[in-house]
Amino acid sequence: MKALFIAASIACCSLGTPHALAQDHHGSEHAQAGTSIVNAMCPVGKEPIVPSAGTVEYKGKQIGICCPGCGKQFLAWDEARKDEFVALAVAHREPGMEDHTGHDMRKPEAEIATTDAPWTGAYALDTCPVSGEKLGSMGDPIVKKYDGREVRFCCGGCIGKFEADQGGYWEKIDDQIVTDQLRYYPTETCVVSGEPLVENGEDIATSMVYGNRLVRLCCKMCERQFKADPKKFIEKLDKATADAQRKDYPLGTCVVAGGELSSMGEPVEMVVAGRLMRFCCAGCKPKVEANPAKYTKLIDEAWQAKGMFMPKAQNDVLGGDHGGAGHGDHDHGG
């Protein structure tokens, strides 16, 4: 009896195999309408899926994504890799879930908590402040925060050296930030008082680094007012930056996902290290926060292709009167 049962099972499986193979090969053509999404995390972005980004179909299953461009990338994977992701999704063990513990990844987009607080802590420089090596040249950078201000190191060995001489390294970082962000600074008036930062062709501004963001002020009194309510003035500076860069924005696609900016409605905006970035959806923001230097580099290249916001070494207009950190103090708060 046992032998008959095994034989019957094998026969049944054999009869079912051609149909199963056909369904695997043409899965996207045979999915039933209304099939539920099997995953909570985007297979490509490893972020919570965004309902408005849509889905892609694979072997009769609907795969949720966080950005429109992720669907195309997922479908380009080899079959074994896609099968592995689907298996993990069914088991609720998708890559990325461990980074979002405590959150219900299957909640609709509107229910996911967000914050509108300005983000100034991004370490957007692409080198280690201690060794000078390119970040990523020795594996993933090590991220540390000091009073809310982010620093990225090429390796663990640099952390001790940094902490042994924080004053010296902060000064070095601040000088680099001022030089980097000055070309993007949107206004020649003080963000606090509205007074001019240039008089008779001479730059009279105090260049302060707050968090990892350049802020130019007209006097010490304004510096004290800024520190009393930094959120208010960073928001004002962000608005001025976005307004100044939006008109000639060099990309028609999302700098993260690559899809058209209007593919999911009105583009989402964010200011990072003095640069406006425009996304197809809010789901792209965490990817920029995870690797600011990668995306500021892409924005820089796009602007430079238009001959705008050139690095200081390539743009003599920024010489002399518009120097860097020597114009004022540095603030390491954030």
Protein backbone atom coordinates (compact mmCIF):
# COMPACT_ATOMS: atom_id res chain seq x y z
CA MET A 1 0.00 0.00 0.00
CA LYS A 2 2.85 2.35 0.89
CA ALA A 3 4.55 1.60 -2.45
CA LEU A 4 1.31 2.33 -4.32
CA PHE A 5 0.96 5.67 -2.51
CA ILE A 6 4.51 6.72 -3.40
CA ALA A 7 4.02 5.68 -7.00
CA ALA A 8 0.77 7.60 -7.23
CA SER A 9 2.42 10.69 -5.72
CA ILE A 10 5.26 10.53 -8.26
CA ALA A 11 2.78 10.15 -11.09
CA CYS A 12 0.76 13.09 -9.85
CA CYS A 13 3.86 15.27 -9.63
CA SER A 14 4.97 14.20 -13.08
CA LEU A 15 1.61 15.11 -14.57
CA GLY A 16 1.74 18.50 -12.88
CA THR A 17 5.29 19.37 -13.91
CA PRO A 18 4.68 20.69 -17.46
CA HIS A 19 1.98 23.08 -16.23
CA ALA A 20 4.17 24.21 -13.34
CA LEU A 21 7.10 24.87 -15.64
CA ALA A 22 4.90 26.74 -18.05
CA GLN A 23 3.54 28.85 -15.23
CA ASP A 24 7.08 29.59 -13.99
CA HIS A 25 8.20 30.64 -17.45
CA HIS A 26 5.15 32.75 -18.18
CA GLY A 27 4.24 33.71 -14.62
CA SER A 28 3.59 37.36 -15.44
CA GLU A 29 0.99 36.32 -18.04
CA HIS A 30 -1.00 34.00 -15.80
CA ALA A 31 -1.29 35.92 -12.53
CA GLN A 32 -4.82 36.33 -11.32
CA ALA A 33 -6.17 39.82 -10.87
CA GLY A 34 -6.22 40.97 -7.29
CA THR A 35 -3.33 38.74 -6.18
CA SER A 36 -2.03 40.12 -2.89
CA ILE A 37 1.47 41.53 -2.58
CA VAL A 38 3.80 38.92 -1.08
CA ASN A 39 6.51 41.20 0.27
CA ALA A 40 6.78 44.06 2.75
CA MET A 41 10.27 45.23 1.72
CA CYS A 42 11.38 46.31 -1.75
CA PRO A 43 13.73 43.64 -3.19
CA VAL A 44 16.05 46.26 -4.68
CA GLY A 45 15.88 49.20 -2.28
CA LYS A 46 15.47 47.04 0.87
CA GLU A 47 13.06 49.74 2.12
CA PRO A 48 9.35 49.40 2.99
CA ILE A 49 7.29 49.10 -0.18
CA VAL A 50 5.36 52.19 -1.29
CA PRO A 51 1.83 51.40 -2.55
CA SER A 52 1.82 54.28 -5.02
CA ALA A 53 4.98 52.89 -6.68
CA GLY A 54 2.96 49.96 -8.02
CA THR A 55 3.99 46.32 -8.34
CA VAL A 56 5.65 43.94 -10.78
CA GLU A 57 4.50 40.41 -11.50
CA TYR A 58 6.67 37.31 -11.18
CA LYS A 59 5.45 33.72 -11.41
CA GLY A 60 1.92 34.79 -10.65
CA LYS A 61 2.89 36.79 -7.59
CA GLN A 62 2.74 40.54 -7.10
CA ILE A 63 6.02 42.06 -5.90
CA GLY A 64 5.78 45.44 -4.18
CA ILE A 65 8.50 48.05 -4.74
CA CYS A 66 9.54 51.35 -3.19
CA CYS A 67 10.23 53.25 -6.45
CA PRO A 68 9.16 52.69 -10.08
CA GLY A 69 12.75 52.04 -11.18
CA CYS A 70 13.11 49.14 -8.73
CA GLY A 71 10.61 46.99 -10.61
CA LYS A 72 12.71 46.93 -13.76
CA GLN A 73 15.84 46.12 -11.77
CA PHE A 74 14.12 43.24 -9.96
CA LEU A 75 12.88 41.68 -13.19
CA ALA A 76 16.42 41.86 -14.59
CA TRP A 77 17.69 39.56 -11.81
CA ASP A 78 18.36 35.92 -12.70
CA GLU A 79 15.60 33.47 -11.86
CA ALA A 80 17.37 31.87 -8.89
CA ARG A 81 17.82 35.24 -7.21
CA LYS A 82 14.17 36.19 -7.76
CA ASP A 83 13.02 32.82 -6.45
CA GLU A 84 15.14 33.26 -3.35
CA PHE A 85 13.62 36.67 -2.65
CA VAL A 86 10.07 35.37 -3.06
CA ALA A 87 10.80 32.49 -0.67
CA LEU A 88 12.16 34.90 1.93
CA ALA A 89 9.17 37.21 1.45
CA VAL A 90 6.72 34.39 2.05
CA ALA A 91 8.63 33.51 5.23
CA HIS A 92 8.61 37.21 6.30
CA ARG A 93 12.42 37.25 6.34
CA GLU A 94 13.13 39.74 3.54
CA PRO A 95 16.44 41.65 3.41
CA GLY A 96 16.02 45.05 5.05
CA MET A 97 13.50 43.98 7.67
CA GLU A 98 16.16 43.84 10.36
CA ASP A 99 16.75 47.57 9.89
CA HIS A 100 13.10 48.43 10.45
CA THR A 101 12.27 46.47 13.59
CA GLY A 102 9.39 47.88 15.55
CA HIS A 103 7.54 49.14 12.49
CA ASP A 104 4.67 47.46 10.70
CA MET A 105 6.03 47.23 7.16
CA ARG A 106 2.62 46.36 5.73
CA LYS A 107 0.95 49.59 6.79
CA PRO A 108 -0.23 51.86 3.97
CA GLU A 109 2.10 54.67 2.96
CA ALA A 110 -0.09 57.30 4.65
CA GLU A 111 0.25 55.53 8.01
CA ILE A 112 4.04 55.48 8.06
CA ALA A 113 5.31 58.19 10.40
CA THR A 114 7.50 60.85 8.83
CA THR A 115 9.30 63.93 10.07
CA ASP A 116 9.65 67.31 8.43
CA ALA A 117 12.55 68.38 10.63
CA PRO A 118 15.51 69.71 8.64
CA TRP A 119 18.35 67.24 8.29
CA THR A 120 21.73 68.94 8.69
CA GLY A 121 23.89 66.12 10.01
CA ALA A 122 24.77 64.50 6.69
CA TYR A 123 28.47 63.85 6.24
CA ALA A 124 28.53 64.44 2.48
CA LEU A 125 32.31 64.58 2.10
CA ASP A 126 33.69 61.57 0.23
CA THR A 127 36.94 61.16 2.18
CA CYS A 128 37.86 60.05 5.69
CA PRO A 129 38.79 63.10 7.83
CA VAL A 130 41.74 61.23 9.37
CA SER A 131 43.38 59.23 6.57
CA GLY A 132 42.11 61.22 3.60
CA GLU A 133 41.21 57.93 1.90
CA LYS A 134 38.09 57.70 -0.26
CA LEU A 135 35.17 56.36 1.75
CA GLY A 136 34.34 52.85 0.59
CA SER A 137 37.93 52.07 -0.41
CA MET A 138 38.29 49.83 2.65
CA GLY A 139 34.76 48.46 2.83
CA ASP A 140 31.65 50.16 4.11
CA PRO A 141 32.42 53.43 5.95
CA ILE A 142 32.05 53.48 9.72
CA VAL A 143 29.50 56.09 10.79
CA LYS A 144 29.78 57.83 14.15
CA LYS A 145 27.84 60.75 15.63
CA TYR A 146 29.17 63.39 17.95
CA ASP A 147 26.50 65.66 19.50
CA GLY A 148 24.18 64.71 16.63
CA ARG A 149 26.77 65.50 13.99
CA GLU A 150 27.74 62.67 11.64
CA VAL A 151 31.30 61.69 10.70
CA ARG A 152 32.28 58.83 8.39
CA PHE A 153 35.58 56.97 8.66
CA CYS A 154 37.30 54.63 6.22
CA CYS A 155 38.08 52.14 9.00
CA GLY A 156 37.89 51.61 12.75
CA GLY A 157 41.54 52.53 13.20
CA CYS A 158 40.81 56.17 12.38
CA ILE A 159 38.23 56.66 15.13
CA GLY A 160 40.73 56.72 17.99
CA LYS A 161 42.93 59.24 16.21
CA PHE A 162 39.93 61.47 15.56
CA GLU A 163 38.76 61.36 19.16
CA ALA A 164 42.27 62.13 20.41
CA ASP A 165 42.28 65.43 18.49
CA GLN A 166 38.66 66.32 17.80
CA GLY A 167 39.33 70.05 17.69
CA GLY A 168 41.89 69.72 14.93
CA TYR A 169 39.82 67.31 12.87
CA TRP A 170 36.60 69.32 13.24
CA GLU A 171 38.46 72.36 11.94
CA LYS A 172 39.66 70.35 8.96
CA ILE A 173 36.16 69.04 8.26
CA ASP A 174 34.64 72.52 8.60
CA ASP A 175 37.13 73.98 6.13
CA GLN A 176 36.20 71.29 3.60
CA ILE A 177 32.47 71.82 4.16
CA VAL A 178 32.71 75.59 3.69
CA THR A 179 34.70 75.17 0.46
CA ASP A 180 32.31 72.50 -0.81
CA GLN A 181 29.00 74.16 0.04
CA LEU A 182 29.90 77.81 -0.60
CA ARG A 183 29.32 77.48 -4.35
CA TYR A 184 25.73 76.36 -3.68
CA TYR A 185 24.94 79.00 -1.07
CA PRO A 186 21.68 80.59 -2.25
CA THR A 187 21.74 84.13 -0.89
CA GLU A 188 23.98 87.13 -0.22
CA THR A 189 21.92 88.21 2.78
CA CYS A 190 22.04 86.99 6.38
CA VAL A 191 19.52 84.19 7.02
CA VAL A 192 18.71 85.76 10.42
CA SER A 193 18.67 89.55 9.93
CA GLY A 194 18.36 89.84 6.17
CA GLU A 195 21.31 92.24 6.12
CA PRO A 196 23.79 92.08 3.19
CA LEU A 197 26.76 89.71 3.45
CA VAL A 198 28.73 91.71 0.89
CA GLU A 199 29.57 95.41 1.18
CA ASN A 200 31.40 97.37 -1.52
CA GLY A 201 32.38 94.09 -3.15
CA GLU A 202 33.86 92.70 0.06
CA ASP A 203 32.56 89.54 1.72
CA ILE A 204 31.86 90.41 5.38
CA ALA A 205 30.03 87.20 6.31
CA THR A 206 30.78 84.90 9.22
CA SER A 207 30.82 81.33 7.85
CA MET A 208 29.50 78.98 10.52
CA VAL A 209 29.12 75.21 10.16
CA TYR A 210 26.03 74.01 12.00
CA GLY A 211 25.69 70.23 12.04
CA ASN A 212 27.37 69.62 8.71
CA ARG A 213 25.69 72.57 7.01
CA LEU A 214 27.20 75.91 5.97
CA VAL A 215 25.35 78.93 7.38
CA ARG A 216 26.50 82.49 6.54
CA LEU A 217 25.66 85.27 9.00
CA CYS A 218 26.38 88.98 9.18
CA CYS A 219 27.45 89.25 12.83
CA LYS A 220 27.89 87.56 16.20
CA MET A 221 24.48 88.73 17.39
CA CYS A 222 22.84 86.84 14.52
CA GLU A 223 24.91 83.77 15.39
CA ARG A 224 23.41 83.81 18.89
CA GLN A 225 19.88 84.23 17.48
CA PHE A 226 20.47 81.36 15.06
CA LYS A 227 21.59 79.02 17.83
CA ALA A 228 18.50 79.91 19.86
CA ASP A 229 16.21 78.51 17.13
CA PRO A 230 18.26 76.65 14.49
CA LYS A 231 15.31 74.70 13.08
CA LYS A 232 13.55 77.91 12.08
CA PHE A 233 16.55 79.30 10.23
CA ILE A 234 17.62 76.02 8.61
CA GLU A 235 14.09 75.73 7.20
CA LYS A 236 14.41 79.26 5.86
CA LEU A 237 17.79 78.42 4.32
CA ASP A 238 16.42 75.18 2.83
CA LYS A 239 13.58 77.10 1.17
CA ALA A 240 15.98 79.66 -0.28
CA THR A 241 18.19 76.83 -1.57
CA ALA A 242 15.31 74.97 -3.18
CA ASP A 243 13.89 78.12 -4.77
CA ALA A 244 17.30 79.07 -6.16
CA GLN A 245 18.05 75.66 -7.68
CA ARG A 246 14.62 74.40 -8.74
CA LYS A 247 14.28 76.54 -11.87
CA ASP A 248 17.41 75.18 -13.56
CA TYR A 249 17.43 71.78 -11.81
CA PRO A 250 19.64 69.61 -14.03
CA LEU A 251 17.79 66.28 -13.80
CA GLY A 252 14.40 65.22 -15.10
CA THR A 253 14.68 61.88 -13.34
CA CYS A 254 14.92 60.82 -9.70
CA VAL A 255 18.56 60.90 -8.61
CA VAL A 256 17.98 57.67 -6.63
CA ALA A 257 15.54 55.49 -8.57
CA GLY A 258 16.09 56.86 -12.07
CA GLY A 259 12.38 57.15 -12.88
CA GLU A 260 10.70 60.28 -14.20
CA LEU A 261 10.21 62.83 -11.44
CA SER A 262 6.51 63.10 -12.19
CA SER A 263 5.94 59.33 -12.32
CA MET A 264 4.38 59.27 -8.84
CA GLY A 265 2.88 62.73 -8.63
CA GLU A 266 4.55 65.90 -7.45
CA PRO A 267 8.30 65.33 -6.85
CA VAL A 268 9.53 65.11 -3.26
CA GLU A 269 12.32 67.55 -2.37
CA MET A 270 15.17 67.52 0.12
CA VAL A 271 18.22 69.72 0.68
CA VAL A 272 21.46 67.85 1.39
CA ALA A 273 24.76 69.65 1.97
CA GLY A 274 23.40 72.78 0.31
CA ARG A 275 22.12 70.92 -2.76
CA LEU A 276 18.50 70.50 -3.77
CA MET A 277 17.58 66.90 -4.53
CA ARG A 278 14.30 65.91 -6.15
CA PHE A 279 12.85 62.41 -5.85
CA CYS A 280 9.98 60.47 -7.37
CA CYS A 281 8.74 59.54 -3.88
CA ALA A 282 9.54 59.85 -0.17
CA GLY A 283 10.90 56.30 -0.16
CA CYS A 284 14.09 57.56 -1.81
CA LYS A 285 15.06 59.83 1.09
CA PRO A 286 16.46 57.11 3.40
CA LYS A 287 18.79 55.93 0.63
CA VAL A 288 20.32 59.40 0.40
CA GLU A 289 20.64 59.61 4.19
CA ALA A 290 22.47 56.26 4.14
CA ASN A 291 25.02 57.42 1.55
CA PRO A 292 24.95 61.22 1.07
CA ALA A 293 28.27 61.46 -0.79
CA LYS A 294 27.08 59.10 -3.53
CA TYR A 295 24.11 61.28 -4.43
CA THR A 296 25.73 64.69 -3.94
CA LYS A 297 28.36 63.50 -6.45
CA LEU A 298 25.63 62.66 -8.97
CA ILE A 299 23.99 66.07 -8.46
CA ASP A 300 27.37 67.82 -8.79
CA GLU A 301 28.07 66.05 -12.08
CA ALA A 302 24.66 67.01 -13.45
CA TRP A 303 25.13 70.69 -12.55
CA GLN A 304 28.65 70.75 -13.93
CA ALA A 305 27.41 69.31 -17.23
CA LYS A 306 25.37 72.53 -17.44
CA GLY A 307 28.40 74.65 -16.49
CA MET A 308 26.87 75.66 -13.16
CA PHE A 309 28.05 75.41 -9.52
CA MET A 310 31.55 74.50 -10.60
CA PRO A 311 34.13 73.48 -7.97
CA LYS A 312 36.26 76.34 -6.74
CA ALA A 313 39.38 75.13 -8.56
CA GLN A 314 37.47 75.34 -11.84
CA ASN A 315 35.70 78.60 -11.20
CA ASP A 316 37.81 81.71 -10.59
CA VAL A 317 34.66 83.67 -9.77
CA LEU A 318 34.65 82.05 -6.35
CA GLY A 319 38.22 83.12 -5.56
CA GLY A 320 39.36 85.86 -3.21
CA ASP A 321 36.30 87.60 -1.80
CA HIS A 322 34.32 84.39 -1.26
CA GLY A 323 36.85 82.44 0.77
CA GLY A 324 36.16 79.66 3.22
CA ALA A 325 36.33 79.04 6.92
CA GLY A 326 38.74 81.91 7.60
CA HIS A 327 35.81 84.32 7.54
CA GLY A 328 34.36 83.23 10.83
CA ASP A 329 33.83 80.68 13.56
CA HIS A 330 32.73 77.08 13.45
CA ASP A 331 29.89 75.59 15.41
CA HIS A 332 29.74 71.84 15.93
CA GLY A 333 26.16 71.60 17.13
CA GLY A 334 23.49 69.83 15.16
